[in-house]
PDB file of N, CA and C in Angstrom:
ATOM      1  N   MET A   1       7.461   5.223 -12.189  1.00  0.00           N
ATOM      2  CA  MET A   1       6.378   5.785 -13.214  1.00  0.00           C
ATOM      3  C   MET A   1       5.163   5.899 -13.074  1.00  0.00           C
ATOM      4  N   LEU A   2       4.704   5.401 -12.134  1.00  0.00           N
ATOM      5  CA  LEU A   2       2.978   5.446 -11.742  1.00  0.00           C
ATOM      6  C   LEU A   2       3.021   6.825 -10.695  1.00  0.00           C
ATOM      7  N   LEU A   3       4.465   7.501  -9.973  1.00  0.00           N
ATOM      8  CA  LEU A   3       3.784   8.429  -9.850  1.00  0.00           C
ATOM      9  C   LEU A   3       4.646   9.411  -9.935  1.00  0.00           C
ATOM     10  N   ASN A   4       4.834   9.618 -11.226  1.00  0.00           N
ATOM     11  CA  ASN A   4       5.024   9.927 -11.978  1.00  0.00           C
ATOM     12  C   ASN A   4       3.912  10.857 -13.554  1.00  0.00           C
ATOM     13  N   GLY A   5       2.883  10.078 -13.539  1.00  0.00           N
ATOM     14  CA  GLY A   5       1.970  10.075 -13.810  1.00  0.00           C
ATOM     15  C   GLY A   5       1.719   9.109 -15.045  1.00  0.00           C
ATOM     16  N   GLY A   6       2.737   8.513 -15.576  1.00  0.00           N
ATOM     17  CA  GLY A   6       2.585   7.510 -16.046  1.00  0.00           C
ATOM     18  C   GLY A   6       3.456   7.292 -17.643  1.00  0.00           C
ATOM     19  N   GLU A   7       4.757   9.011 -16.503  1.00  0.00           N
ATOM     20  CA  GLU A   7       6.057   8.255 -17.739  1.00  0.00           C
ATOM     21  C   GLU A   7       7.130   8.364 -16.882  1.00  0.00           C
ATOM     22  N   ILE A   8       7.907   8.350 -17.938  1.00  0.00           N
ATOM     23  CA  ILE A   8       9.805   7.709 -16.773  1.00  0.00           C
ATOM     24  C   ILE A   8      10.333   8.043 -18.491  1.00  0.00           C
ATOM     25  N   ASN A   9      11.392   8.896 -17.703  1.00  0.00           N
ATOM     26  CA  ASN A   9      13.065   9.290 -18.426  1.00  0.00           C
ATOM     27  C   ASN A   9      12.516   9.682 -19.816  1.00  0.00           C
ATOM     28  N   GLY A  10      11.198  10.666 -19.306  1.00  0.00           N
ATOM     29  CA  GLY A  10      10.525  11.932 -20.593  1.00  0.00           C
ATOM     30  C   GLY A  10       9.486  11.191 -20.998  1.00  0.00           C
ATOM     31  N   LYS A  11       9.481   9.969 -21.353  1.00  0.00           N
ATOM     32  CA  LYS A  11       9.072   9.023 -21.933  1.00  0.00           C
ATOM     33  C   LYS A  11       7.688   8.563 -21.753  1.00  0.00           C
ATOM     34  N   ARG A  12       6.080   8.984 -22.543  1.00  0.00           N
ATOM     35  CA  ARG A  12       4.781   8.398 -21.629  1.00  0.00           C
ATOM     36  C   ARG A  12       4.697   6.906 -21.669  1.00  0.00           C
ATOM     37  N   VAL A  13       4.343   6.169 -21.147  1.00  0.00           N
ATOM     38  CA  VAL A  13       3.680   4.683 -21.255  1.00  0.00           C
ATOM     39  C   VAL A  13       2.430   4.186 -20.842  1.00  0.00           C
ATOM     40  N   PHE A  14       1.932   5.288 -19.651  1.00  0.00           N
ATOM     41  CA  PHE A  14       0.159   5.458 -20.152  1.00  0.00           C
ATOM     42  C   PHE A  14      -0.222   6.960 -19.766  1.00  0.00           C
ATOM     43  N   LYS A  15      -0.761   6.915 -19.909  1.00  0.00           N
ATOM     44  CA  LYS A  15      -1.794   8.116 -19.536  1.00  0.00           C
ATOM     45  C   LYS A  15      -1.999   8.248 -18.313  1.00  0.00           C
ATOM     46  N   TRP A  16      -2.120  10.033 -18.158  1.00  0.00           N
ATOM     47  CA  TRP A  16      -2.574   9.965 -16.424  1.00  0.00           C
ATOM     48  C   TRP A  16      -3.521   9.487 -15.929  1.00  0.00           C
ATOM     49  N   GLU A  17      -4.804   9.614 -16.925  1.00  0.00           N
ATOM     50  CA  GLU A  17      -5.877   9.552 -16.750  1.00  0.00           C
ATOM     51  C   GLU A  17      -5.684   7.572 -16.097  1.00  0.00           C
ATOM     52  N   THR A  18      -5.321   6.599 -17.194  1.00  0.00           N
ATOM     53  CA  THR A  18      -4.928   5.745 -17.014  1.00  0.00           C
ATOM     54  C   THR A  18      -4.763   4.985 -15.720  1.00  0.00           C
ATOM     55  N   ILE A  19      -3.948   5.735 -15.153  1.00  0.00           N
ATOM     56  CA  ILE A  19      -3.210   6.031 -13.769  1.00  0.00           C
ATOM     57  C   ILE A  19      -4.080   6.021 -12.751  1.00  0.00           C
ATOM     58  N   GLN A  20      -4.803   7.195 -12.898  1.00  0.00           N
ATOM     59  CA  GLN A  20      -6.051   7.596 -11.689  1.00  0.00           C
ATOM     60  C   GLN A  20      -6.861   6.505 -11.563  1.00  0.00           C
ATOM     61  N   ASP A  21      -7.149   5.255 -12.949  1.00  0.00           N
ATOM     62  CA  ASP A  21      -8.311   5.186 -12.901  1.00  0.00           C
ATOM     63  C   ASP A  21      -7.573   3.839 -12.379  1.00  0.00           C
ATOM     64  N   PHE A  22      -6.264   3.484 -12.522  1.00  0.00           N
ATOM     65  CA  PHE A  22      -5.936   2.027 -11.629  1.00  0.00           C
ATOM     66  C   PHE A  22      -5.975   2.141 -10.596  1.00  0.00           C
ATOM     67  N   THR A  23      -5.701   2.988  -9.860  1.00  0.00           N
ATOM     68  CA  THR A  23      -5.380   3.396  -8.747  1.00  0.00           C
ATOM     69  C   THR A  23      -6.058   3.742  -7.574  1.00  0.00           C
ATOM     70  N   ALA A  24      -7.766   3.990  -8.554  1.00  0.00           N
ATOM     71  CA  ALA A  24      -8.809   4.851  -7.544  1.00  0.00           C
ATOM     72  C   ALA A  24      -9.648   3.903  -6.880  1.00  0.00           C
ATOM     73  N   TYR A  25     -10.599   3.827  -5.927  1.00  0.00           N
ATOM     74  CA  TYR A  25     -11.070   2.804  -5.703  1.00  0.00           C
ATOM     75  C   TYR A  25     -12.806   3.052  -6.409  1.00  0.00           C
ATOM     76  N   HIS A  26     -13.341   2.239  -6.523  1.00  0.00           N
ATOM     77  CA  HIS A  26     -14.882   2.101  -7.533  1.00  0.00           C
ATOM     78  C   HIS A  26     -15.441   1.836  -6.905  1.00  0.00           C
ATOM     79  N   SER A  27     -15.890   1.216  -5.789  1.00  0.00           N
ATOM     80  CA  SER A  27     -16.570   0.481  -5.258  1.00  0.00           C
ATOM     81  C   SER A  27     -17.178   1.042  -4.044  1.00  0.00           C
ATOM     82  N   SER A  28     -18.438   0.573  -3.125  1.00  0.00           N
ATOM     83  CA  SER A  28     -19.001   1.278  -2.025  1.00  0.00           C
ATOM     84  C   SER A  28     -18.365   0.418  -1.620  1.00  0.00           C
ATOM     85  N   ILE A  29     -18.544  -1.216  -1.842  1.00  0.00           N
ATOM     86  CA  ILE A  29     -18.118  -1.875  -0.772  1.00  0.00           C
ATOM     87  C   ILE A  29     -16.542  -2.816  -0.853  1.00  0.00           C
ATOM     88  N   SER A  30     -16.424  -2.198  -1.461  1.00  0.00           N
ATOM     89  CA  SER A  30     -14.804  -3.034  -1.582  1.00  0.00           C
ATOM     90  C   SER A  30     -14.085  -1.561  -1.780  1.00  0.00           C
ATOM     91  N   ARG A  31     -12.209  -2.605  -0.699  1.00  0.00           N
ATOM     92  CA  ARG A  31     -10.979  -1.701  -0.632  1.00  0.00           C
ATOM     93  C   ARG A  31     -10.438  -1.417  -1.949  1.00  0.00           C
ATOM     94  N   ARG A  32     -10.928  -1.939  -3.250  1.00  0.00           N
ATOM     95  CA  ARG A  32     -10.046  -2.607  -4.573  1.00  0.00           C
ATOM     96  C   ARG A  32     -10.285  -1.743  -5.964  1.00  0.00           C
ATOM     97  N   ALA A  33      -9.005  -1.156  -5.684  1.00  0.00           N
ATOM     98  CA  ALA A  33      -9.326  -0.573  -7.249  1.00  0.00           C
ATOM     99  C   ALA A  33      -9.218  -1.206  -8.636  1.00  0.00           C
ATOM    100  N   TYR A  34      -8.542  -1.031  -9.353  1.00  0.00           N
ATOM    101  CA  TYR A  34      -8.709  -1.955 -11.250  1.00  0.00           C
ATOM    102  C   TYR A  34      -7.281  -2.572 -10.965  1.00  0.00           C
ATOM    103  N   GLY A  35      -7.023  -1.983 -10.131  1.00  0.00           N
ATOM    104  CA  GLY A  35      -5.325  -2.458 -11.095  1.00  0.00           C
ATOM    105  C   GLY A  35      -4.150  -3.169  -9.212  1.00  0.00           C
ATOM    106  N   PHE A  36      -4.825  -2.100  -8.356  1.00  0.00           N
ATOM    107  CA  PHE A  36      -4.774  -2.622  -6.540  1.00  0.00           C
ATOM    108  C   PHE A  36      -4.991  -2.536  -5.416  1.00  0.00           C
ATOM    109  N   ASP A  37      -4.902  -2.833  -4.077  1.00  0.00           N
ATOM    110  CA  ASP A  37      -5.265  -2.974  -3.504  1.00  0.00           C
ATOM    111  C   ASP A  37      -5.159  -1.801  -3.296  1.00  0.00           C
ATOM    112  N   LYS A  38      -5.988  -1.297  -2.158  1.00  0.00           N
ATOM    113  CA  LYS A  38      -6.739   0.254  -1.250  1.00  0.00           C
ATOM    114  C   LYS A  38      -6.271   0.388  -0.076  1.00  0.00           C
ATOM    115  N   PRO A  39      -6.104   1.577   0.536  1.00  0.00           N
ATOM    116  CA  PRO A  39      -6.478   1.339   2.333  1.00  0.00           C
ATOM    117  C   PRO A  39      -7.714   0.754   2.609  1.00  0.00           C
ATOM    118  N   GLU A  40      -8.088   0.651   3.515  1.00  0.00           N
ATOM    119  CA  GLU A  40      -9.907   0.514   4.391  1.00  0.00           C
ATOM    120  C   GLU A  40     -10.427   1.183   3.995  1.00  0.00           C
ATOM    121  N   LYS A  41     -11.432   1.655   3.411  1.00  0.00           N
ATOM    122  CA  LYS A  41     -12.227   3.560   3.607  1.00  0.00           C
ATOM    123  C   LYS A  41     -12.355   3.479   4.821  1.00  0.00           C
ATOM    124  N   ASP A  42     -12.499   2.399   6.275  1.00  0.00           N
ATOM    125  CA  ASP A  42     -12.771   3.054   7.375  1.00  0.00           C
ATOM    126  C   ASP A  42     -11.343   2.932   8.370  1.00  0.00           C
ATOM    127  N   ASN A  43     -10.594   3.016   7.708  1.00  0.00           N
ATOM    128  CA  ASN A  43      -9.152   3.199   8.163  1.00  0.00           C
ATOM    129  C   ASN A  43      -8.906   4.014  10.067  1.00  0.00           C
ATOM    130  N   ALA A  44      -9.424   4.694   9.460  1.00  0.00           N
ATOM    131  CA  ALA A  44      -9.181   5.817  10.934  1.00  0.00           C
ATOM    132  C   ALA A  44     -10.159   5.365  12.074  1.00  0.00           C
ATOM    133  N   THR A  45     -10.899   4.044  12.149  1.00  0.00           N
ATOM    134  CA  THR A  45     -11.836   4.160  13.241  1.00  0.00           C
ATOM    135  C   THR A  45     -11.448   2.374  12.753  1.00  0.00           C
ATOM    136  N   ARG A  46     -10.531   1.941  12.186  1.00  0.00           N
ATOM    137  CA  ARG A  46     -10.405   0.637  12.631  1.00  0.00           C
ATOM    138  C   ARG A  46      -8.874   0.105  13.821  1.00  0.00           C
ATOM    139  N   GLN A  47      -9.779  -1.201  14.320  1.00  0.00           N
ATOM    140  CA  GLN A  47      -9.318  -1.284  14.982  1.00  0.00           C
ATOM    141  C   GLN A  47      -7.872  -1.960  15.044  1.00  0.00           C
ATOM    142  N   ASN A  48      -7.303  -2.580  13.371  1.00  0.00           N
ATOM    143  CA  ASN A  48      -6.363  -2.857  12.664  1.00  0.00           C
ATOM    144  C   ASN A  48      -6.497  -2.872  11.232  1.00  0.00           C
ATOM    145  N   PRO A  49      -5.263  -1.015  10.953  1.00  0.00           N
ATOM    146  CA  PRO A  49      -5.876  -0.230   9.718  1.00  0.00           C
ATOM    147  C   PRO A  49      -5.354  -1.412   8.838  1.00  0.00           C
ATOM    148  N   TYR A  50      -5.161  -1.451   7.455  1.00  0.00           N
ATOM    149  CA  TYR A  50      -5.048  -2.020   6.090  1.00  0.00           C
ATOM    150  C   TYR A  50      -4.726  -0.801   5.641  1.00  0.00           C
ATOM    151  N   PRO A  51      -3.253  -0.678   4.645  1.00  0.00           N
ATOM    152  CA  PRO A  51      -1.954  -1.559   4.661  1.00  0.00           C
ATOM    153  C   PRO A  51      -1.316  -0.874   5.835  1.00  0.00           C
ATOM    154  N   SER A  52      -1.849   0.742   6.881  1.00  0.00           N
ATOM    155  CA  SER A  52      -1.146   1.010   7.854  1.00  0.00           C
ATOM    156  C   SER A  52      -2.476   2.422   8.091  1.00  0.00           C
ATOM    157  N   ALA A  53      -1.719   2.692   9.390  1.00  0.00           N
ATOM    158  CA  ALA A  53      -2.608   3.275  10.399  1.00  0.00           C
ATOM    159  C   ALA A  53      -2.792   5.039   9.465  1.00  0.00           C
ATOM    160  N   LEU A  54      -1.221   5.161   9.210  1.00  0.00           N
ATOM    161  CA  LEU A  54      -1.055   6.752   7.995  1.00  0.00           C
ATOM    162  C   LEU A  54      -1.068   6.367   7.033  1.00  0.00           C
ATOM    163  N   ALA A  55      -1.389   5.980   6.619  1.00  0.00           N
ATOM    164  CA  ALA A  55      -1.922   6.274   4.674  1.00  0.00           C
ATOM    165  C   ALA A  55      -2.255   6.466   4.268  1.00  0.00           C
ATOM    166  N   SER A  56      -2.140   7.313   2.890  1.00  0.00           N
ATOM    167  CA  SER A  56      -3.202   8.625   2.629  1.00  0.00           C
ATOM    168  C   SER A  56      -4.177   7.553   2.080  1.00  0.00           C
ATOM    169  N   PRO A  57      -5.820   8.255   1.833  1.00  0.00           N
ATOM    170  CA  PRO A  57      -6.445   7.291   1.364  1.00  0.00           C
ATOM    171  C   PRO A  57      -6.368   7.159  -0.471  1.00  0.00           C
ATOM    172  N   GLN A  58      -5.012   7.881  -0.972  1.00  0.00           N
ATOM    173  CA  GLN A  58      -4.502   7.987  -2.797  1.00  0.00           C
ATOM    174  C   GLN A  58      -3.349   7.181  -2.543  1.00  0.00           C
ATOM    175  N   THR A  59      -3.272   6.387  -1.678  1.00  0.00           N
ATOM    176  CA  THR A  59      -2.133   4.636  -1.706  1.00  0.00           C
ATOM    177  C   THR A  59      -2.877   3.594  -2.261  1.00  0.00           C
ATOM    178  N   TYR A  60      -1.651   3.221  -3.028  1.00  0.00           N
ATOM    179  CA  TYR A  60      -2.191   2.223  -3.593  1.00  0.00           C
ATOM    180  C   TYR A  60      -0.524   0.827  -3.068  1.00  0.00           C
ATOM    181  N   GLY A  61      -1.329  -0.853  -3.390  1.00  0.00           N
ATOM    182  CA  GLY A  61      -0.634  -1.371  -3.655  1.00  0.00           C
ATOM    183  C   GLY A  61      -0.967  -2.981  -3.525  1.00  0.00           C
ATOM    184  N   HIS A  62      -0.034  -4.166  -2.584  1.00  0.00           N
ATOM    185  CA  HIS A  62      -0.837  -5.137  -3.041  1.00  0.00           C
ATOM    186  C   HIS A  62       0.270  -5.766  -2.170  1.00  0.00           C
ATOM    187  N   THR A  63      -0.380  -6.740  -0.979  1.00  0.00           N
ATOM    188  CA  THR A  63       0.083  -8.104  -0.299  1.00  0.00           C
ATOM    189  C   THR A  63       0.277  -9.288  -0.506  1.00  0.00           C
ATOM    190  N   GLY A  64       1.084 -10.292  -0.920  1.00  0.00           N
ATOM    191  CA  GLY A  64       1.018 -10.746  -1.490  1.00  0.00           C
ATOM    192  C   GLY A  64       1.151 -12.112   0.098  1.00  0.00           C
ATOM    193  N   PHE A  65       0.872 -13.066  -0.499  1.00  0.00           N
ATOM    194  CA  PHE A  65       0.253 -14.589   0.500  1.00  0.00           C
ATOM    195  C   PHE A  65       1.600 -14.730   0.469  1.00  0.00           C
ATOM    196  N   THR A  66       2.850 -14.870   0.573  1.00  0.00           N
ATOM    197  CA  THR A  66       4.277 -14.892   1.059  1.00  0.00           C
ATOM    198  C   THR A  66       4.160 -13.563   2.394  1.00  0.00           C
ATOM    199  N   GLY A  67       3.428 -13.281   2.101  1.00  0.00           N
ATOM    200  CA  GLY A  67       4.255 -11.788   3.050  1.00  0.00           C
ATOM    201  C   GLY A  67       4.473 -10.247   2.939  1.00  0.00           C
ATOM    202  N   THR A  68       5.509 -10.539   1.509  1.00  0.00           N
ATOM    203  CA  THR A  68       5.723  -9.398   0.717  1.00  0.00           C
ATOM    204  C   THR A  68       4.842  -8.445   0.167  1.00  0.00           C
ATOM    205  N   CYS A  69       5.331  -6.981   0.146  1.00  0.00           N
ATOM    206  CA  CYS A  69       4.582  -6.230  -0.320  1.00  0.00           C
ATOM    207  C   CYS A  69       4.461  -4.816  -0.541  1.00  0.00           C
ATOM    208  N   VAL A  70       3.970  -4.065  -1.435  1.00  0.00           N
ATOM    209  CA  VAL A  70       4.489  -3.051  -2.238  1.00  0.00           C
ATOM    210  C   VAL A  70       3.631  -1.942  -2.247  1.00  0.00           C
ATOM    211  N   TRP A  71       3.330  -1.055  -1.282  1.00  0.00           N
ATOM    212  CA  TRP A  71       2.608   0.489  -1.127  1.00  0.00           C
ATOM    213  C   TRP A  71       3.035   1.637  -1.386  1.00  0.00           C
ATOM    214  N   VAL A  72       2.717   2.394  -2.565  1.00  0.00           N
ATOM    215  CA  VAL A  72       2.853   3.392  -3.211  1.00  0.00           C
ATOM    216  C   VAL A  72       1.490   4.443  -2.120  1.00  0.00           C
ATOM    217  N   ASP A  73       2.315   5.707  -1.413  1.00  0.00           N
ATOM    218  CA  ASP A  73       1.053   6.929  -1.412  1.00  0.00           C
ATOM    219  C   ASP A  73       1.903   8.054  -1.904  1.00  0.00           C
ATOM    220  N   PRO A  74       1.169   8.602  -3.292  1.00  0.00           N
ATOM    221  CA  PRO A  74       1.457   9.500  -3.718  1.00  0.00           C
ATOM    222  C   PRO A  74       1.430  10.780  -2.964  1.00  0.00           C
ATOM    223  N   LYS A  75       0.661  10.726  -2.372  1.00  0.00           N
ATOM    224  CA  LYS A  75       0.512  12.335  -1.503  1.00  0.00           C
ATOM    225  C   LYS A  75       1.691  12.309  -0.885  1.00  0.00           C
ATOM    226  N   TYR A  76       2.236  11.594   0.038  1.00  0.00           N
ATOM    227  CA  TYR A  76       3.869  11.884   0.544  1.00  0.00           C
ATOM    228  C   TYR A  76       4.752  11.671  -0.372  1.00  0.00           C
ATOM    229  N   ASN A  77       4.530  10.778  -1.910  1.00  0.00           N
ATOM    230  CA  ASN A  77       6.162  10.296  -2.433  1.00  0.00           C
ATOM    231  C   ASN A  77       6.659   8.977  -1.887  1.00  0.00           C
ATOM    232  N   ILE A  78       6.133   8.346  -0.960  1.00  0.00           N
ATOM    233  CA  ILE A  78       6.523   6.829  -0.532  1.00  0.00           C
ATOM    234  C   ILE A  78       6.539   5.966  -0.774  1.00  0.00           C
ATOM    235  N   VAL A  79       7.519   5.334  -1.707  1.00  0.00           N
ATOM    236  CA  VAL A  79       7.090   3.592  -1.878  1.00  0.00           C
ATOM    237  C   VAL A  79       7.991   2.636  -0.522  1.00  0.00           C
ATOM    238  N   TYR A  80       6.969   2.071  -0.274  1.00  0.00           N
ATOM    239  CA  TYR A  80       7.138   1.044   0.285  1.00  0.00           C
ATOM    240  C   TYR A  80       6.990  -0.792   0.306  1.00  0.00           C
ATOM    241  N   ILE A  81       8.391  -1.216   0.342  1.00  0.00           N
ATOM    242  CA  ILE A  81       8.731  -2.329   0.188  1.00  0.00           C
ATOM    243  C   ILE A  81       9.514  -3.150   0.733  1.00  0.00           C
ATOM    244  N   PHE A  82       7.822  -4.342   0.606  1.00  0.00           N
ATOM    245  CA  PHE A  82       9.124  -5.242   2.376  1.00  0.00           C
ATOM    246  C   PHE A  82       8.780  -7.058   1.783  1.00  0.00           C
ATOM    247  N   LEU A  83      10.029  -7.135   1.621  1.00  0.00           N
ATOM    248  CA  LEU A  83      10.130  -8.663   1.125  1.00  0.00           C
ATOM    249  C   LEU A  83      10.439 -10.464   2.314  1.00  0.00           C
ATOM    250  N   SER A  84       9.287 -10.754   2.244  1.00  0.00           N
ATOM    251  CA  SER A  84       9.357 -11.812   2.931  1.00  0.00           C
ATOM    252  C   SER A  84       9.261 -13.364   2.691  1.00  0.00           C
ATOM    253  N   SER A  85       9.061 -13.979   3.469  1.00  0.00           N
ATOM    254  CA  SER A  85       9.078 -15.225   2.924  1.00  0.00           C
ATOM    255  C   SER A  85       8.280 -16.124   4.447  1.00  0.00           C
ATOM    256  N   ARG A  86       6.892 -16.011   4.714  1.00  0.00           N
ATOM    257  CA  ARG A  86       6.467 -16.546   6.128  1.00  0.00           C
ATOM    258  C   ARG A  86       6.121 -17.489   6.214  1.00  0.00           C
ATOM    259  N   VAL A  87       6.232 -18.297   4.529  1.00  0.00           N
ATOM    260  CA  VAL A  87       5.159 -19.285   4.655  1.00  0.00           C
ATOM    261  C   VAL A  87       7.223 -20.122   4.888  1.00  0.00           C
ATOM    262  N   THR A  88       8.419 -20.056   5.353  1.00  0.00           N
ATOM    263  CA  THR A  88       9.682 -20.159   6.202  1.00  0.00           C
ATOM    264  C   THR A  88       9.405 -20.557   7.375  1.00  0.00           C
ATOM    265  N   PRO A  89       9.787 -21.261   7.674  1.00  0.00           N
ATOM    266  CA  PRO A  89       9.693 -22.514   7.929  1.00  0.00           C
ATOM    267  C   PRO A  89       8.621 -23.783   7.341  1.00  0.00           C
ATOM    268  N   THR A  90       7.647 -23.092   8.138  1.00  0.00           N
ATOM    269  CA  THR A  90       5.892 -23.517   7.350  1.00  0.00           C
ATOM    270  C   THR A  90       5.076 -22.519   7.058  1.00  0.00           C
ATOM    271  N   ARG A  91       4.295 -23.163   6.764  1.00  0.00           N
ATOM    272  CA  ARG A  91       2.774 -22.272   5.671  1.00  0.00           C
ATOM    273  C   ARG A  91       1.624 -21.726   7.167  1.00  0.00           C
ATOM    274  N   ASN A  92       2.061 -22.803   7.968  1.00  0.00           N
ATOM    275  CA  ASN A  92       0.914 -21.906   9.016  1.00  0.00           C
ATOM    276  C   ASN A  92       2.127 -20.902   9.994  1.00  0.00           C
ATOM    277  N   ASN A  93       2.887 -20.257   9.351  1.00  0.00           N
ATOM    278  CA  ASN A  93       3.458 -19.385  10.548  1.00  0.00           C
ATOM    279  C   ASN A  93       2.731 -17.708  10.629  1.00  0.00           C
ATOM    280  N   PRO A  94       2.119 -17.792  12.066  1.00  0.00           N
ATOM    281  CA  PRO A  94       1.511 -16.736  11.759  1.00  0.00           C
ATOM    282  C   PRO A  94       1.544 -15.541  11.835  1.00  0.00           C
ATOM    283  N   ARG A  95       3.641 -15.503  12.419  1.00  0.00           N
ATOM    284  CA  ARG A  95       3.594 -14.142  13.119  1.00  0.00           C
ATOM    285  C   ARG A  95       3.924 -13.090  12.965  1.00  0.00           C
ATOM    286  N   LEU A  96       3.998 -13.269  11.331  1.00  0.00           N
ATOM    287  CA  LEU A  96       4.132 -11.747  10.444  1.00  0.00           C
ATOM    288  C   LEU A  96       2.957 -10.673  10.504  1.00  0.00           C
ATOM    289  N   GLY A  97       1.985 -11.780  10.693  1.00  0.00           N
ATOM    290  CA  GLY A  97       1.005 -10.947  10.555  1.00  0.00           C
ATOM    291  C   GLY A  97      -0.066 -10.810  11.962  1.00  0.00           C
ATOM    292  N   SER A  98       0.554 -11.826  12.544  1.00  0.00           N
ATOM    293  CA  SER A  98      -0.457 -11.353  14.831  1.00  0.00           C
ATOM    294  C   SER A  98       0.464 -10.385  14.931  1.00  0.00           C
ATOM    295  N   TYR A  99       2.092 -10.211  15.054  1.00  0.00           N
ATOM    296  CA  TYR A  99       2.350  -9.312  15.411  1.00  0.00           C
ATOM    297  C   TYR A  99       2.783  -7.803  14.769  1.00  0.00           C
ATOM    298  N   HIS A 100       1.947  -7.848  13.579  1.00  0.00           N
ATOM    299  CA  HIS A 100       2.278  -6.371  12.804  1.00  0.00           C
ATOM    300  C   HIS A 100       2.789  -5.633  12.078  1.00  0.00           C
ATOM    301  N   ILE A 101       3.842  -7.106  11.591  1.00  0.00           N
ATOM    302  CA  ILE A 101       5.097  -6.343  10.913  1.00  0.00           C
ATOM    303  C   ILE A 101       5.508  -5.178  10.315  1.00  0.00           C
ATOM    304  N   ARG A 102       4.780  -5.743   9.118  1.00  0.00           N
ATOM    305  CA  ARG A 102       4.498  -5.002   7.817  1.00  0.00           C
ATOM    306  C   ARG A 102       3.764  -3.296   8.136  1.00  0.00           C
ATOM    307  N   GLU A 103       2.818  -3.220   8.950  1.00  0.00           N
ATOM    308  CA  GLU A 103       1.912  -2.613   9.501  1.00  0.00           C
ATOM    309  C   GLU A 103       3.479  -1.097  10.191  1.00  0.00           C
ATOM    310  N   ASN A 104       3.735  -2.131  11.405  1.00  0.00           N
ATOM    311  CA  ASN A 104       4.784  -0.773  11.932  1.00  0.00           C
ATOM    312  C   ASN A 104       5.564  -0.268  11.452  1.00  0.00           C
ATOM    313  N   ILE A 105       6.236  -1.327  10.965  1.00  0.00           N
ATOM    314  CA  ILE A 105       7.081  -0.879   9.671  1.00  0.00           C
ATOM    315  C   ILE A 105       6.265   0.496   8.714  1.00  0.00           C
ATOM    316  N   GLN A 106       5.855   0.334   8.001  1.00  0.00           N
ATOM    317  CA  GLN A 106       5.086   0.484   7.243  1.00  0.00           C
ATOM    318  C   GLN A 106       4.854   2.617   7.913  1.00  0.00           C
ATOM    319  N   ASP A 107       4.092   2.460   9.259  1.00  0.00           N
ATOM    320  CA  ASP A 107       3.536   3.506  10.437  1.00  0.00           C
ATOM    321  C   ASP A 107       5.031   4.274  10.293  1.00  0.00           C
ATOM    322  N   ALA A 108       6.485   3.550  10.779  1.00  0.00           N
ATOM    323  CA  ALA A 108       7.358   4.312  11.420  1.00  0.00           C
ATOM    324  C   ALA A 108       8.714   4.878  10.148  1.00  0.00           C
ATOM    325  N   ILE A 109       7.770   4.373   8.999  1.00  0.00           N
ATOM    326  CA  ILE A 109       8.498   4.650   7.762  1.00  0.00           C
ATOM    327  C   ILE A 109       7.768   6.946   7.551  1.00  0.00           C
ATOM    328  N   TYR A 110       6.088   5.770   7.686  1.00  0.00           N
ATOM    329  CA  TYR A 110       5.335   7.503   7.668  1.00  0.00           C
ATOM    330  C   TYR A 110       6.147   8.424   8.711  1.00  0.00           C
ATOM    331  N   ARG A 111       6.424   8.208   9.981  1.00  0.00           N
ATOM    332  CA  ARG A 111       6.496   9.040  10.930  1.00  0.00           C
ATOM    333  C   ARG A 111       8.100   9.550  10.804  1.00  0.00           C
ATOM    334  N   ALA A 112       8.689   8.523   9.970  1.00  0.00           N
ATOM    335  CA  ALA A 112      10.291   8.726  10.012  1.00  0.00           C
ATOM    336  C   ALA A 112      10.613  10.482   8.830  1.00  0.00           C
ATOM    337  N   VAL A 113       9.308  10.500   8.688  1.00  0.00           N
ATOM    338  CA  VAL A 113       9.314  11.527   7.353  1.00  0.00           C
ATOM    339  C   VAL A 113       8.666  12.529   7.082  1.00  0.00           C
ATOM    340  N   GLY A 114       8.074  12.670   8.629  1.00  0.00           N
ATOM    341  CA  GLY A 114       6.875  13.683   9.094  1.00  0.00           C
ATOM    342  C   GLY A 114       5.788  13.446   9.340  1.00  0.00           C
ATOM    343  N   VAL A 115       5.335  12.824   8.591  1.00  0.00           N
ATOM    344  CA  VAL A 115       3.559  12.794   8.316  1.00  0.00           C
ATOM    345  C   VAL A 115       2.903  12.501   9.739  1.00  0.00           C
ATOM    346  N   ALA A 116       3.609  11.850  10.529  1.00  0.00           N
ATOM    347  CA  ALA A 116       2.537  11.812  11.778  1.00  0.00           C
ATOM    348  C   ALA A 116       3.908  12.098  13.007  1.00  0.00           C
ATOM    349  N   ASN A 117       3.316  12.137  14.143  1.00  0.00           N
ATOM    350  CA  ASN A 117       4.729  12.147  15.391  1.00  0.00           C
ATOM    351  C   ASN A 117       4.975  11.400  16.483  1.00  0.00           C
TER     352      ASN A 117
END
C-alpha cells in the first residue's frame, strides 16, 4: 500500500501526500522521517552506511532492537524484511551488528536486481 501511494486493491487508505510526508526527511540534523527511519544523509561517504550502501534516499524503514528490520525502497521497488533474534541466547550478542549481516544481505539484494555491480 505504501509503495502504491496509499492505495490497495483499488481503495485509497492514505492520501499520496500523507505517504510522502511520513517517508521523507524533515530535519537537517536527523535521518528520521515522521513515521520511519531513513538512510543516513551522508551514506555515500560513511564507513558504515545505514541501512545499506546502495539504498536510495527515498528508502524508509526501521531496524528493531532484536535485529529484525524492514526497509522499503520506492526508487527500485524493493521491500527487504529481515527477521532475527539477536538477543538469543543472550542480549550481549554483538555478531549481527559487528558482521554487518543485514547490510550485506541488503546490498546483495540491490546487486541481484541490477542496481549496482
